[in-house]
Amino acid sequence: MQIIKVKCKADDCTVEFVPSSGVNHHEFCSDRCRWRANKRKRMLERKENGSCPQCGNDWVEPIEIHKKKPEHCKKCQEYYHAIYESGLYET
């Protein structure tokens, strides 16, 4: 019996794994890869539809653009700004 390995379908993963047999065939090596790939896909679909990639809300253009067009809606920008200002997010 030959063991067949498949490559994880996540774009940024190079792991090869042996999928489990049964009804649910696996495309990803781990839940983490599956979650990241699905999140990336969802964000791309939202961006193509003109929505905020992060939250999916309607896109609100900023009043002024500093360096480049922001990647998130005004609501998400305000949220991230508050998190960074509060010191809860550490880089």
C-alpha atoms as a PDB file:
ATOM      1  CA  MET A   1       0.000   0.000   0.000  1.00  0.00           C
ATOM      2  CA  GLN A   2       1.400   3.360  -1.047  1.00  0.00           C
ATOM      3  CA  ILE A   3       1.028   6.410   1.189  1.00  0.00           C
ATOM      4  CA  ILE A   4       0.027   9.493  -0.760  1.00  0.00           C
ATOM      5  CA  LYS A   5       1.008  12.907   0.554  1.00  0.00           C
ATOM      6  CA  VAL A   6      -0.698  16.096  -0.575  1.00  0.00           C
ATOM      7  CA  LYS A   7       0.440  19.701  -0.309  1.00  0.00           C
ATOM      8  CA  CYS A   8      -1.507  22.010   1.962  1.00  0.00           C
ATOM      9  CA  LYS A   9      -3.816  24.293  -0.072  1.00  0.00           C
ATOM     10  CA  ALA A  10      -2.846  27.398   1.914  1.00  0.00           C
ATOM     11  CA  ASP A  11      -0.805  29.675  -0.366  1.00  0.00           C
ATOM     12  CA  ASP A  12       1.889  30.365   2.203  1.00  0.00           C
ATOM     13  CA  CYS A  13       2.274  26.805   3.532  1.00  0.00           C
ATOM     14  CA  THR A  14       4.715  24.232   2.182  1.00  0.00           C
ATOM     15  CA  VAL A  15       3.707  21.293   4.400  1.00  0.00           C
ATOM     16  CA  GLU A  16       2.925  17.958   2.805  1.00  0.00           C
ATOM     17  CA  PHE A  17       0.645  15.690   4.813  1.00  0.00           C
ATOM     18  CA  VAL A  18      -1.224  12.400   4.621  1.00  0.00           C
ATOM     19  CA  PRO A  19      -4.949  13.196   4.489  1.00  0.00           C
ATOM     20  CA  SER A  20      -7.214  11.145   6.701  1.00  0.00           C
ATOM     21  CA  SER A  21      -9.536   8.726   4.986  1.00  0.00           C
ATOM     22  CA  GLY A  22     -13.273   9.073   5.179  1.00  0.00           C
ATOM     23  CA  VAL A  23     -16.008  11.386   4.003  1.00  0.00           C
ATOM     24  CA  ASN A  24     -14.240  14.624   4.949  1.00  0.00           C
ATOM     25  CA  HIS A  25     -11.055  14.740   2.891  1.00  0.00           C
ATOM     26  CA  HIS A  26      -8.625  17.323   4.133  1.00  0.00           C
ATOM     27  CA  GLU A  27      -7.238  20.102   1.969  1.00  0.00           C
ATOM     28  CA  PHE A  28      -5.238  21.844   4.674  1.00  0.00           C
ATOM     29  CA  CYS A  29      -2.561  20.508   6.980  1.00  0.00           C
ATOM     30  CA  SER A  30      -4.064  22.165  10.067  1.00  0.00           C
ATOM     31  CA  ASP A  31      -7.001  24.183  11.317  1.00  0.00           C
ATOM     32  CA  ARG A  32      -4.729  27.219  11.481  1.00  0.00           C
ATOM     33  CA  CYS A  33      -3.940  27.009   7.747  1.00  0.00           C
ATOM     34  CA  ARG A  34      -7.623  26.456   6.941  1.00  0.00           C
ATOM     35  CA  TRP A  35      -8.715  29.463   9.036  1.00  0.00           C
ATOM     36  CA  ARG A  36      -6.048  31.738   7.540  1.00  0.00           C
ATOM     37  CA  ALA A  37      -6.843  30.687   3.964  1.00  0.00           C
ATOM     38  CA  ASN A  38     -10.583  31.161   4.473  1.00  0.00           C
ATOM     39  CA  LYS A  39     -10.058  34.554   6.133  1.00  0.00           C
ATOM     40  CA  ARG A  40      -7.786  35.642   3.274  1.00  0.00           C
ATOM     41  CA  LYS A  41     -10.416  34.507   0.733  1.00  0.00           C
ATOM     42  CA  ARG A  42     -13.229  36.309   2.599  1.00  0.00           C
ATOM     43  CA  MET A  43     -11.199  39.536   2.848  1.00  0.00           C
ATOM     44  CA  LEU A  44     -10.385  39.427  -0.886  1.00  0.00           C
ATOM     45  CA  GLU A  45     -14.069  38.921  -1.778  1.00  0.00           C
ATOM     46  CA  ARG A  46     -15.076  41.853   0.433  1.00  0.00           C
ATOM     47  CA  LYS A  47     -12.420  44.094  -1.106  1.00  0.00           C
ATOM     48  CA  GLU A  48     -13.573  43.187  -4.638  1.00  0.00           C
ATOM     49  CA  ASN A  49     -17.174  44.012  -3.659  1.00  0.00           C
ATOM     50  CA  GLY A  50     -16.168  47.458  -2.405  1.00  0.00           C
ATOM     51  CA  SER A  51     -16.631  46.614   1.272  1.00  0.00           C
ATOM     52  CA  CYS A  52     -14.175  46.911   4.126  1.00  0.00           C
ATOM     53  CA  PRO A  53     -11.981  43.784   4.006  1.00  0.00           C
ATOM     54  CA  GLN A  54     -11.878  43.513   7.800  1.00  0.00           C
ATOM     55  CA  CYS A  55     -15.506  43.948   8.902  1.00  0.00           C
ATOM     56  CA  GLY A  56     -17.473  43.767   5.639  1.00  0.00           C
ATOM     57  CA  ASN A  57     -19.283  47.081   6.202  1.00  0.00           C
ATOM     58  CA  ASP A  58     -19.814  49.604   3.433  1.00  0.00           C
ATOM     59  CA  TRP A  59     -16.699  51.511   2.481  1.00  0.00           C
ATOM     60  CA  VAL A  60     -16.558  55.111   3.725  1.00  0.00           C
ATOM     61  CA  GLU A  61     -13.909  57.205   2.004  1.00  0.00           C
ATOM     62  CA  PRO A  62     -11.762  59.223   4.407  1.00  0.00           C
ATOM     63  CA  ILE A  63     -11.969  63.004   4.329  1.00  0.00           C
ATOM     64  CA  GLU A  64      -8.234  63.303   3.792  1.00  0.00           C
ATOM     65  CA  ILE A  65      -5.620  60.770   2.802  1.00  0.00           C
ATOM     66  CA  HIS A  66      -2.243  61.025   4.487  1.00  0.00           C
ATOM     67  CA  LYS A  67       0.287  58.739   2.796  1.00  0.00           C
ATOM     68  CA  LYS A  68      -1.890  56.303   0.882  1.00  0.00           C
ATOM     69  CA  LYS A  69      -5.488  55.143   0.650  1.00  0.00           C
ATOM     70  CA  PRO A  70      -6.400  53.301   3.856  1.00  0.00           C
ATOM     71  CA  GLU A  71      -7.054  49.572   3.713  1.00  0.00           C
ATOM     72  CA  HIS A  72     -10.001  49.616   6.124  1.00  0.00           C
ATOM     73  CA  CYS A  73     -13.259  51.539   6.572  1.00  0.00           C
ATOM     74  CA  LYS A  74     -13.481  54.557   8.843  1.00  0.00           C
ATOM     75  CA  LYS A  75     -14.997  52.497  11.683  1.00  0.00           C
ATOM     76  CA  CYS A  76     -12.104  49.993  11.608  1.00  0.00           C
ATOM     77  CA  GLN A  77      -9.560  52.808  11.357  1.00  0.00           C
ATOM     78  CA  GLU A  78     -10.995  54.433  14.473  1.00  0.00           C
ATOM     79  CA  TYR A  79     -10.999  51.083  16.291  1.00  0.00           C
ATOM     80  CA  TYR A  80      -7.350  50.338  15.412  1.00  0.00           C
ATOM     81  CA  HIS A  81      -6.319  53.875  16.316  1.00  0.00           C
ATOM     82  CA  ALA A  82      -7.977  53.523  19.744  1.00  0.00           C
ATOM     83  CA  ILE A  83      -6.244  50.176  20.341  1.00  0.00           C
ATOM     84  CA  TYR A  84      -2.810  51.572  19.456  1.00  0.00           C
ATOM     85  CA  GLU A  85      -3.382  54.729  21.515  1.00  0.00           C
ATOM     86  CA  SER A  86      -4.492  52.726  24.576  1.00  0.00           C
ATOM     87  CA  GLY A  87      -1.348  50.602  24.553  1.00  0.00           C
ATOM     88  CA  LEU A  88      -3.319  47.330  24.451  1.00  0.00           C
ATOM     89  CA  TYR A  89      -1.581  46.360  21.231  1.00  0.00           C
ATOM     90  CA  GLU A  90       2.130  45.753  21.506  1.00  0.00           C
ATOM     91  CA  THR A  91       4.308  45.639  18.405  1.00  0.00           C
END
